[in-house]
Structure formats: C-alpha cells, structure tokens
Amino acid sequence: MNERDRVVRDRLRRLEGQVGGIVRMLEEGRPCEDVVTQLLAVRAAAEHAAVRLVRDHVDECMAELPPKRAREAVHEAVALLGRIG
C-alpha cells in the first residue's frame, strides 16, 4: 500500500469511529440536530476522501499514461467527481 492509500485508509478509519459515535448518539436519545450535524460531518469527510482518491488517480494517470489516455482518464475522473454530493 502506498502512502496516498494509507492517508485515505486512515481517513476512512476515522469515519468508522464517527459513525460509531453517531450510533451511540441515537442510542442515547440525543437531539435530532446533534445527530444530523454529525451525519453531515461524516458525509463531508467521505466526500473529501473520494476527492483525494480521484485527485491521486489523476496525478498517477498524468505521470504514467500517454497523453491521449491520460486525457480520457481525466474526463472519467471529472465525471466521478460530478457524482459526489
């Protein structure tokens, strides 16, 4: 596993902890606003991880692929980013 993948893996592990915290909040009967605030934070963190993955993929494509294939990979990455949110 390369360093970039480790960074994303660590982010996802933190997300696991946040989701566990949200489950506990529900079990404790915490107010809706508190739970939703944490859910929004998890969503933002997940989106950030997705963007990081796509950005790293584009960097690799630009460095390693021939120009035509790199351009196609960038177009695919832009389409993926359009699905976030």
N, C-alpha and C. Protein backbone atom coordinates (compact mmCIF):
# COMPACT_ATOMS: atom_id res chain seq x y z
N MET A 1 0.86 -1.18 0.00
CA MET A 1 0.00 0.00 0.00
C MET A 1 0.90 1.23 0.00
N ASN A 2 0.60 2.16 -0.89
CA ASN A 2 1.42 3.37 -0.95
C ASN A 2 0.93 4.40 0.07
N GLU A 3 1.72 5.46 0.22
CA GLU A 3 1.42 6.49 1.22
C GLU A 3 0.06 7.15 0.97
N ARG A 4 -0.25 7.41 -0.29
CA ARG A 4 -1.54 8.04 -0.60
C ARG A 4 -2.70 7.17 -0.16
N ASP A 5 -2.60 5.87 -0.40
CA ASP A 5 -3.66 4.96 0.02
C ASP A 5 -3.76 4.89 1.54
N ARG A 6 -2.61 4.97 2.22
CA ARG A 6 -2.63 4.96 3.69
C ARG A 6 -3.36 6.18 4.23
N VAL A 7 -3.15 7.33 3.61
CA VAL A 7 -3.83 8.56 4.05
C VAL A 7 -5.34 8.39 3.94
N VAL A 8 -5.80 7.86 2.82
CA VAL A 8 -7.24 7.67 2.63
C VAL A 8 -7.75 6.60 3.58
N ARG A 9 -7.00 5.52 3.74
CA ARG A 9 -7.41 4.47 4.69
C ARG A 9 -7.58 5.04 6.09
N ASP A 10 -6.63 5.87 6.51
CA ASP A 10 -6.72 6.46 7.85
C ASP A 10 -7.94 7.37 7.97
N ARG A 11 -8.25 8.11 6.92
CA ARG A 11 -9.46 8.95 6.93
C ARG A 11 -10.70 8.08 7.09
N LEU A 12 -10.74 6.98 6.37
CA LEU A 12 -11.91 6.10 6.43
C LEU A 12 -12.03 5.45 7.81
N ARG A 13 -10.93 5.13 8.42
CA ARG A 13 -10.99 4.58 9.78
C ARG A 13 -11.54 5.61 10.77
N ARG A 14 -11.16 6.87 10.59
CA ARG A 14 -11.73 7.92 11.44
C ARG A 14 -13.24 8.02 11.20
N LEU A 15 -13.65 7.86 9.95
CA LEU A 15 -15.08 7.88 9.63
C LEU A 15 -15.81 6.75 10.34
N GLU A 16 -15.18 5.59 10.38
CA GLU A 16 -15.78 4.46 11.11
C GLU A 16 -16.06 4.86 12.56
N GLY A 17 -15.09 5.52 13.17
CA GLY A 17 -15.26 5.96 14.55
C GLY A 17 -16.38 6.98 14.68
N GLN A 18 -16.45 7.89 13.72
CA GLN A 18 -17.51 8.90 13.76
C GLN A 18 -18.88 8.24 13.63
N VAL A 19 -19.00 7.26 12.74
CA VAL A 19 -20.28 6.58 12.56
C VAL A 19 -20.66 5.83 13.83
N GLY A 20 -19.68 5.20 14.48
CA GLY A 20 -19.95 4.55 15.76
C GLY A 20 -20.46 5.55 16.79
N GLY A 21 -19.87 6.73 16.78
CA GLY A 21 -20.33 7.78 17.69
C GLY A 21 -21.76 8.20 17.41
N ILE A 22 -22.11 8.25 16.15
CA ILE A 22 -23.48 8.62 15.77
C ILE A 22 -24.46 7.55 16.24
N VAL A 23 -24.09 6.29 16.10
CA VAL A 23 -24.95 5.21 16.59
C VAL A 23 -25.17 5.36 18.09
N ARG A 24 -24.09 5.65 18.82
CA ARG A 24 -24.23 5.84 20.27
C ARG A 24 -25.14 7.04 20.58
N MET A 25 -25.00 8.10 19.79
CA MET A 25 -25.86 9.27 20.00
C MET A 25 -27.33 8.90 19.86
N LEU A 26 -27.64 8.08 18.85
CA LEU A 26 -29.02 7.63 18.66
C LEU A 26 -29.48 6.79 19.85
N GLU A 27 -28.63 5.88 20.28
CA GLU A 27 -28.98 5.01 21.41
C GLU A 27 -29.20 5.81 22.69
N GLU A 28 -28.48 6.93 22.82
CA GLU A 28 -28.61 7.78 24.00
C GLU A 28 -29.78 8.76 23.89
N GLY A 29 -30.42 8.78 22.73
CA GLY A 29 -31.56 9.68 22.55
C GLY A 29 -31.15 11.14 22.36
N ARG A 30 -29.98 11.36 21.79
CA ARG A 30 -29.51 12.74 21.58
C ARG A 30 -30.43 13.45 20.59
N PRO A 31 -30.50 14.76 20.67
CA PRO A 31 -31.39 15.53 19.80
C PRO A 31 -31.07 15.33 18.32
N CYS A 32 -32.12 15.40 17.53
CA CYS A 32 -32.02 15.24 16.08
C CYS A 32 -30.95 16.15 15.48
N GLU A 33 -30.93 17.39 15.91
CA GLU A 33 -29.99 18.36 15.35
C GLU A 33 -28.54 17.92 15.56
N ASP A 34 -28.25 17.36 16.74
CA ASP A 34 -26.90 16.89 17.02
C ASP A 34 -26.52 15.73 16.12
N VAL A 35 -27.45 14.79 15.95
CA VAL A 35 -27.19 13.61 15.13
C VAL A 35 -26.99 14.03 13.67
N VAL A 36 -27.87 14.88 13.18
CA VAL A 36 -27.76 15.32 11.79
C VAL A 36 -26.46 16.10 11.56
N THR A 37 -26.07 16.91 12.52
CA THR A 37 -24.80 17.64 12.39
C THR A 37 -23.64 16.66 12.22
N GLN A 38 -23.64 15.60 13.00
CA GLN A 38 -22.57 14.61 12.88
C GLN A 38 -22.66 13.84 11.57
N LEU A 39 -23.87 13.53 11.13
CA LEU A 39 -24.03 12.86 9.84
C LEU A 39 -23.50 13.73 8.69
N LEU A 40 -23.76 15.01 8.77
CA LEU A 40 -23.25 15.92 7.74
C LEU A 40 -21.73 15.98 7.77
N ALA A 41 -21.14 15.91 8.95
CA ALA A 41 -19.69 15.89 9.06
C ALA A 41 -19.11 14.62 8.44
N VAL A 42 -19.78 13.50 8.66
CA VAL A 42 -19.34 12.23 8.07
C VAL A 42 -19.45 12.31 6.55
N ARG A 43 -20.54 12.85 6.07
CA ARG A 43 -20.71 12.97 4.62
C ARG A 43 -19.60 13.84 4.02
N ALA A 44 -19.31 14.96 4.66
CA ALA A 44 -18.26 15.84 4.15
C ALA A 44 -16.91 15.13 4.16
N ALA A 45 -16.63 14.39 5.21
CA ALA A 45 -15.36 13.67 5.30
C ALA A 45 -15.27 12.58 4.23
N ALA A 46 -16.37 11.89 3.98
CA ALA A 46 -16.39 10.85 2.94
C ALA A 46 -16.17 11.48 1.56
N GLU A 47 -16.80 12.62 1.32
CA GLU A 47 -16.62 13.30 0.05
C GLU A 47 -15.16 13.75 -0.10
N HIS A 48 -14.57 14.22 0.98
CA HIS A 48 -13.18 14.64 0.94
C HIS A 48 -12.28 13.45 0.59
N ALA A 49 -12.55 12.29 1.18
CA ALA A 49 -11.77 11.09 0.88
C ALA A 49 -11.93 10.70 -0.59
N ALA A 50 -13.14 10.80 -1.12
CA ALA A 50 -13.37 10.48 -2.53
C ALA A 50 -12.61 11.43 -3.44
N VAL A 51 -12.64 12.70 -3.12
CA VAL A 51 -11.91 13.69 -3.93
C VAL A 51 -10.42 13.40 -3.88
N ARG A 52 -9.92 13.04 -2.70
CA ARG A 52 -8.50 12.73 -2.57
C ARG A 52 -8.13 11.53 -3.44
N LEU A 53 -8.96 10.50 -3.42
CA LEU A 53 -8.70 9.32 -4.26
C LEU A 53 -8.67 9.69 -5.74
N VAL A 54 -9.64 10.47 -6.18
CA VAL A 54 -9.71 10.85 -7.59
C VAL A 54 -8.52 11.72 -7.95
N ARG A 55 -8.18 12.67 -7.10
CA ARG A 55 -7.04 13.55 -7.37
C ARG A 55 -5.75 12.74 -7.51
N ASP A 56 -5.55 11.80 -6.60
CA ASP A 56 -4.35 10.97 -6.66
C ASP A 56 -4.34 10.11 -7.93
N HIS A 57 -5.50 9.61 -8.31
CA HIS A 57 -5.61 8.81 -9.54
C HIS A 57 -5.24 9.65 -10.76
N VAL A 58 -5.73 10.87 -10.80
CA VAL A 58 -5.41 11.76 -11.92
C VAL A 58 -3.91 12.04 -11.95
N ASP A 59 -3.32 12.30 -10.80
CA ASP A 59 -1.88 12.53 -10.75
C ASP A 59 -1.11 11.35 -11.34
N GLU A 60 -1.51 10.15 -10.96
CA GLU A 60 -0.85 8.94 -11.49
C GLU A 60 -1.04 8.82 -12.99
N CYS A 61 -2.25 9.06 -13.45
CA CYS A 61 -2.53 8.98 -14.89
C CYS A 61 -1.69 9.97 -15.68
N MET A 62 -1.61 11.19 -15.18
CA MET A 62 -0.86 12.23 -15.89
C MET A 62 0.63 11.87 -15.95
N ALA A 63 1.13 11.22 -14.92
CA ALA A 63 2.55 10.88 -14.87
C ALA A 63 2.90 9.63 -15.67
N GLU A 64 1.94 8.70 -15.79
CA GLU A 64 2.28 7.39 -16.31
C GLU A 64 1.66 7.05 -17.67
N LEU A 65 0.58 7.68 -18.03
CA LEU A 65 -0.12 7.29 -19.26
C LEU A 65 0.26 8.18 -20.43
N PRO A 66 0.10 7.64 -21.64
CA PRO A 66 0.29 8.50 -22.81
C PRO A 66 -0.76 9.62 -22.79
N PRO A 67 -0.46 10.75 -23.41
CA PRO A 67 -1.35 11.92 -23.32
C PRO A 67 -2.82 11.64 -23.65
N LYS A 68 -3.10 10.88 -24.71
CA LYS A 68 -4.50 10.64 -25.08
C LYS A 68 -5.22 9.85 -23.98
N ARG A 69 -4.59 8.81 -23.47
CA ARG A 69 -5.22 8.01 -22.41
C ARG A 69 -5.33 8.80 -21.12
N ALA A 70 -4.33 9.63 -20.83
CA ALA A 70 -4.39 10.48 -19.62
C ALA A 70 -5.57 11.44 -19.72
N ARG A 71 -5.79 12.01 -20.89
CA ARG A 71 -6.92 12.93 -21.08
C ARG A 71 -8.24 12.20 -20.84
N GLU A 72 -8.35 10.98 -21.35
CA GLU A 72 -9.57 10.19 -21.13
C GLU A 72 -9.77 9.91 -19.64
N ALA A 73 -8.67 9.60 -18.96
CA ALA A 73 -8.76 9.32 -17.52
C ALA A 73 -9.20 10.55 -16.75
N VAL A 74 -8.72 11.71 -17.16
CA VAL A 74 -9.13 12.95 -16.50
C VAL A 74 -10.62 13.18 -16.72
N HIS A 75 -11.11 12.95 -17.94
CA HIS A 75 -12.54 13.11 -18.21
C HIS A 75 -13.37 12.15 -17.34
N GLU A 76 -12.89 10.93 -17.20
CA GLU A 76 -13.59 9.97 -16.34
C GLU A 76 -13.59 10.44 -14.89
N ALA A 77 -12.47 11.00 -14.45
CA ALA A 77 -12.37 11.49 -13.08
C ALA A 77 -13.32 12.66 -12.84
N VAL A 78 -13.42 13.54 -13.80
CA VAL A 78 -14.35 14.68 -13.67
C VAL A 78 -15.78 14.17 -13.57
N ALA A 79 -16.11 13.15 -14.35
CA ALA A 79 -17.45 12.55 -14.27
C ALA A 79 -17.69 11.96 -12.89
N LEU A 80 -16.68 11.29 -12.34
CA LEU A 80 -16.82 10.72 -10.99
C LEU A 80 -17.07 11.83 -9.97
N LEU A 81 -16.29 12.90 -10.06
CA LEU A 81 -16.46 14.00 -9.11
C LEU A 81 -17.85 14.62 -9.23
N GLY A 82 -18.40 14.61 -10.42
CA GLY A 82 -19.75 15.14 -10.61
C GLY A 82 -20.81 14.33 -9.88
N ARG A 83 -20.50 13.08 -9.55
CA ARG A 83 -21.45 12.23 -8.84
C ARG A 83 -21.42 12.45 -7.34
N ILE A 84 -20.40 13.17 -6.85
CA ILE A 84 -20.28 13.41 -5.41
C ILE A 84 -21.25 14.50 -5.02
N GLY A 85 -21.94 14.30 -3.93
CA GLY A 85 -22.79 15.34 -3.40
C GLY A 85 -24.18 15.08 -3.54
